[in-house]
């Protein structure tokens, strides 16, 4: 039992050592994780870099660099991806395209449709028809 405890302690020590090498600044990590968490919970609101940086008490340019470093995309790109993923759920549940567009925070159905098609390769209406067809075949 004592050996097992020692093994677990060694494991956690190694994890912390590697984390400190890869992510040496906990403040930066907290900033980007907090920003991502906020976007995940408020994707349907009007969000911009200035607002997000004020929330995390950092400059917008610093937040942009950090977010890109840790997640490989800008906060705006992440927000758009989050909205588009949520739109798939709403369209699959039968919600109209226009309603979905506004519920997830887009300002116009045309920009929503363009972004949706560029990300998923289908227009929202084709996606919805395919999802409805697939759902009816399962019944």
C-alpha atoms as a PDB file:
ATOM      1  CA  UNK A   1       0.000   0.000   0.000  1.00  0.00           C
ATOM      2  CA  UNK A   2       2.855   2.372   0.862  1.00  0.00           C
ATOM      3  CA  UNK A   3       4.486   1.659  -2.498  1.00  0.00           C
ATOM      4  CA  UNK A   4       1.222   2.454  -4.291  1.00  0.00           C
ATOM      5  CA  UNK A   5       0.957   5.827  -2.485  1.00  0.00           C
ATOM      6  CA  UNK A   6       4.533   6.657  -3.382  1.00  0.00           C
ATOM      7  CA  UNK A   7       3.884   5.705  -6.997  1.00  0.00           C
ATOM      8  CA  UNK A   8       0.818   7.988  -7.118  1.00  0.00           C
ATOM      9  CA  UNK A   9       2.774  10.857  -5.521  1.00  0.00           C
ATOM     10  CA  UNK A  10       5.551  10.411  -8.071  1.00  0.00           C
ATOM     11  CA  UNK A  11       2.991  10.401 -10.871  1.00  0.00           C
ATOM     12  CA  UNK A  12       1.368  13.645  -9.687  1.00  0.00           C
ATOM     13  CA  UNK A  13       4.765  15.267  -9.194  1.00  0.00           C
ATOM     14  CA  UNK A  14       5.683  14.394 -12.774  1.00  0.00           C
ATOM     15  CA  UNK A  15       2.360  15.727 -14.106  1.00  0.00           C
ATOM     16  CA  UNK A  16       2.916  19.027 -12.272  1.00  0.00           C
ATOM     17  CA  UNK A  17       6.517  19.215 -13.524  1.00  0.00           C
ATOM     18  CA  UNK A  18       5.405  18.698 -17.159  1.00  0.00           C
ATOM     19  CA  UNK A  19       2.522  21.188 -16.765  1.00  0.00           C
ATOM     20  CA  UNK A  20       4.959  23.820 -15.473  1.00  0.00           C
ATOM     21  CA  UNK A  21       7.198  23.268 -18.475  1.00  0.00           C
ATOM     22  CA  UNK A  22       4.368  23.403 -21.029  1.00  0.00           C
ATOM     23  CA  UNK A  23       2.209  26.025 -19.286  1.00  0.00           C
ATOM     24  CA  UNK A  24       4.517  28.015 -17.033  1.00  0.00           C
ATOM     25  CA  UNK A  25       2.154  30.888 -16.322  1.00  0.00           C
ATOM     26  CA  UNK A  26      -0.962  29.956 -14.367  1.00  0.00           C
ATOM     27  CA  UNK A  27      -2.333  33.509 -14.772  1.00  0.00           C
ATOM     28  CA  UNK A  28      -2.262  33.186 -18.551  1.00  0.00           C
ATOM     29  CA  UNK A  29      -3.888  29.788 -18.343  1.00  0.00           C
ATOM     30  CA  UNK A  30      -6.636  31.144 -16.081  1.00  0.00           C
ATOM     31  CA  UNK A  31      -7.231  34.011 -18.511  1.00  0.00           C
ATOM     32  CA  UNK A  32      -7.710  31.860 -21.606  1.00  0.00           C
ATOM     33  CA  UNK A  33      -9.676  29.149 -19.814  1.00  0.00           C
ATOM     34  CA  UNK A  34     -11.928  31.785 -18.238  1.00  0.00           C
ATOM     35  CA  UNK A  35     -12.458  33.455 -21.604  1.00  0.00           C
ATOM     36  CA  UNK A  36     -13.296  30.165 -23.286  1.00  0.00           C
ATOM     37  CA  UNK A  37     -15.667  29.257 -20.465  1.00  0.00           C
ATOM     38  CA  UNK A  38     -17.421  32.620 -20.797  1.00  0.00           C
ATOM     39  CA  UNK A  39     -17.791  32.191 -24.571  1.00  0.00           C
ATOM     40  CA  UNK A  40     -19.192  28.674 -24.095  1.00  0.00           C
ATOM     41  CA  UNK A  41     -21.856  29.978 -21.711  1.00  0.00           C
ATOM     42  CA  UNK A  42     -22.696  33.234 -23.523  1.00  0.00           C
ATOM     43  CA  UNK A  43     -22.198  32.381 -27.221  1.00  0.00           C
ATOM     44  CA  UNK A  44     -25.679  33.721 -28.011  1.00  0.00           C
ATOM     45  CA  UNK A  45     -24.816  37.231 -26.777  1.00  0.00           C
ATOM     46  CA  UNK A  46     -22.954  39.953 -28.608  1.00  0.00           C
ATOM     47  CA  UNK A  47     -19.324  39.315 -27.693  1.00  0.00           C
ATOM     48  CA  UNK A  48     -16.254  41.104 -28.939  1.00  0.00           C
ATOM     49  CA  UNK A  49     -12.584  41.186 -28.074  1.00  0.00           C
ATOM     50  CA  UNK A  50     -12.831  44.473 -26.169  1.00  0.00           C
ATOM     51  CA  UNK A  51     -15.586  43.133 -23.923  1.00  0.00           C
ATOM     52  CA  UNK A  52     -13.826  39.808 -23.311  1.00  0.00           C
ATOM     53  CA  UNK A  53     -10.529  41.498 -22.483  1.00  0.00           C
ATOM     54  CA  UNK A  54     -12.235  43.859 -20.016  1.00  0.00           C
ATOM     55  CA  UNK A  55     -13.820  40.863 -18.319  1.00  0.00           C
ATOM     56  CA  UNK A  56     -10.413  39.246 -17.841  1.00  0.00           C
ATOM     57  CA  UNK A  57      -8.642  42.540 -16.959  1.00  0.00           C
ATOM     58  CA  UNK A  58      -6.142  42.284 -19.785  1.00  0.00           C
ATOM     59  CA  UNK A  59      -5.446  44.079 -23.035  1.00  0.00           C
ATOM     60  CA  UNK A  60      -7.301  42.822 -26.067  1.00  0.00           C
ATOM     61  CA  UNK A  61      -4.043  42.260 -27.937  1.00  0.00           C
ATOM     62  CA  UNK A  62      -2.624  40.176 -25.093  1.00  0.00           C
ATOM     63  CA  UNK A  63      -5.841  38.142 -24.867  1.00  0.00           C
ATOM     64  CA  UNK A  64      -5.781  37.594 -28.622  1.00  0.00           C
ATOM     65  CA  UNK A  65      -2.169  36.307 -28.500  1.00  0.00           C
ATOM     66  CA  UNK A  66      -2.827  34.067 -25.488  1.00  0.00           C
ATOM     67  CA  UNK A  67      -6.023  32.572 -26.877  1.00  0.00           C
ATOM     68  CA  UNK A  68      -4.370  31.880 -30.219  1.00  0.00           C
ATOM     69  CA  UNK A  69      -1.355  30.293 -28.485  1.00  0.00           C
ATOM     70  CA  UNK A  70      -3.398  27.965 -26.285  1.00  0.00           C
ATOM     71  CA  UNK A  71      -6.345  27.146 -28.583  1.00  0.00           C
ATOM     72  CA  UNK A  72      -4.939  27.726 -32.063  1.00  0.00           C
ATOM     73  CA  UNK A  73      -7.631  30.200 -33.044  1.00  0.00           C
ATOM     74  CA  UNK A  74      -8.810  33.666 -32.094  1.00  0.00           C
ATOM     75  CA  UNK A  75     -11.682  34.195 -29.636  1.00  0.00           C
ATOM     76  CA  UNK A  76     -13.864  35.316 -32.554  1.00  0.00           C
ATOM     77  CA  UNK A  77     -13.107  32.166 -34.540  1.00  0.00           C
ATOM     78  CA  UNK A  78     -13.832  30.081 -31.453  1.00  0.00           C
ATOM     79  CA  UNK A  79     -17.115  31.947 -30.882  1.00  0.00           C
ATOM     80  CA  UNK A  80     -18.214  31.344 -34.475  1.00  0.00           C
ATOM     81  CA  UNK A  81     -17.335  27.637 -34.215  1.00  0.00           C
ATOM     82  CA  UNK A  82     -19.246  27.363 -30.932  1.00  0.00           C
ATOM     83  CA  UNK A  83     -22.302  29.042 -32.463  1.00  0.00           C
ATOM     84  CA  UNK A  84     -22.198  26.824 -35.535  1.00  0.00           C
ATOM     85  CA  UNK A  85     -21.945  23.657 -33.447  1.00  0.00           C
ATOM     86  CA  UNK A  86     -24.953  24.770 -31.392  1.00  0.00           C
ATOM     87  CA  UNK A  87     -26.849  25.569 -34.599  1.00  0.00           C
ATOM     88  CA  UNK A  88     -26.547  21.928 -35.678  1.00  0.00           C
ATOM     89  CA  UNK A  89     -28.326  20.859 -32.481  1.00  0.00           C
ATOM     90  CA  UNK A  90     -31.122  23.381 -32.997  1.00  0.00           C
ATOM     91  CA  UNK A  91     -31.592  22.573 -36.677  1.00  0.00           C
ATOM     92  CA  UNK A  92     -31.659  18.851 -35.921  1.00  0.00           C
ATOM     93  CA  UNK A  93     -34.384  19.446 -33.320  1.00  0.00           C
ATOM     94  CA  UNK A  94     -36.542  21.060 -36.034  1.00  0.00           C
ATOM     95  CA  UNK A  95     -36.084  24.736 -35.236  1.00  0.00           C
ATOM     96  CA  UNK A  96     -36.337  27.048 -38.240  1.00  0.00           C
ATOM     97  CA  UNK A  97     -33.175  28.403 -39.838  1.00  0.00           C
ATOM     98  CA  UNK A  98     -34.080  32.017 -39.103  1.00  0.00           C
ATOM     99  CA  UNK A  99     -34.904  31.283 -35.470  1.00  0.00           C
ATOM    100  CA  UNK A 100     -31.682  29.312 -35.099  1.00  0.00           C
ATOM    101  CA  UNK A 101     -29.686  32.132 -36.641  1.00  0.00           C
ATOM    102  CA  UNK A 102     -30.907  34.698 -34.127  1.00  0.00           C
ATOM    103  CA  UNK A 103     -30.955  32.317 -31.137  1.00  0.00           C
ATOM    104  CA  UNK A 104     -27.250  31.565 -31.497  1.00  0.00           C
ATOM    105  CA  UNK A 105     -26.242  35.204 -31.883  1.00  0.00           C
ATOM    106  CA  UNK A 106     -25.862  35.830 -35.612  1.00  0.00           C
ATOM    107  CA  UNK A 107     -27.235  39.077 -36.971  1.00  0.00           C
ATOM    108  CA  UNK A 108     -28.358  37.910 -40.389  1.00  0.00           C
ATOM    109  CA  UNK A 109     -29.494  34.605 -41.880  1.00  0.00           C
ATOM    110  CA  UNK A 110     -27.318  35.157 -44.942  1.00  0.00           C
ATOM    111  CA  UNK A 111     -24.072  35.450 -42.942  1.00  0.00           C
ATOM    112  CA  UNK A 112     -25.141  32.468 -40.841  1.00  0.00           C
ATOM    113  CA  UNK A 113     -25.839  30.389 -43.962  1.00  0.00           C
ATOM    114  CA  UNK A 114     -22.534  31.357 -45.567  1.00  0.00           C
ATOM    115  CA  UNK A 115     -20.512  30.447 -42.460  1.00  0.00           C
ATOM    116  CA  UNK A 116     -22.488  27.235 -41.923  1.00  0.00           C
ATOM    117  CA  UNK A 117     -21.904  26.088 -45.484  1.00  0.00           C
ATOM    118  CA  UNK A 118     -18.190  26.933 -45.387  1.00  0.00           C
ATOM    119  CA  UNK A 119     -17.726  24.961 -42.147  1.00  0.00           C
ATOM    120  CA  UNK A 120     -19.927  21.923 -42.809  1.00  0.00           C
ATOM    121  CA  UNK A 121     -20.147  21.797 -46.608  1.00  0.00           C
ATOM    122  CA  UNK A 122     -23.952  21.967 -46.601  1.00  0.00           C
ATOM    123  CA  UNK A 123     -26.398  24.823 -46.400  1.00  0.00           C
ATOM    124  CA  UNK A 124     -28.444  24.914 -43.176  1.00  0.00           C
ATOM    125  CA  UNK A 125     -31.570  23.852 -45.084  1.00  0.00           C
ATOM    126  CA  UNK A 126     -29.830  20.832 -46.652  1.00  0.00           C
ATOM    127  CA  UNK A 127     -28.356  19.919 -43.287  1.00  0.00           C
ATOM    128  CA  UNK A 128     -31.787  20.128 -41.679  1.00  0.00           C
ATOM    129  CA  UNK A 129     -33.408  18.015 -44.402  1.00  0.00           C
ATOM    130  CA  UNK A 130     -30.686  15.403 -44.063  1.00  0.00           C
ATOM    131  CA  UNK A 131     -31.037  15.378 -40.256  1.00  0.00           C
ATOM    132  CA  UNK A 132     -34.829  15.061 -40.506  1.00  0.00           C
ATOM    133  CA  UNK A 133     -34.509  12.240 -43.055  1.00  0.00           C
ATOM    134  CA  UNK A 134     -31.980  10.412 -40.858  1.00  0.00           C
ATOM    135  CA  UNK A 135     -34.165  10.859 -37.783  1.00  0.00           C
ATOM    136  CA  UNK A 136     -37.294   9.527 -39.560  1.00  0.00           C
ATOM    137  CA  UNK A 137     -35.374   6.467 -40.776  1.00  0.00           C
ATOM    138  CA  UNK A 138     -34.428   5.555 -37.198  1.00  0.00           C
ATOM    139  CA  UNK A 139     -38.064   5.396 -36.097  1.00  0.00           C
END
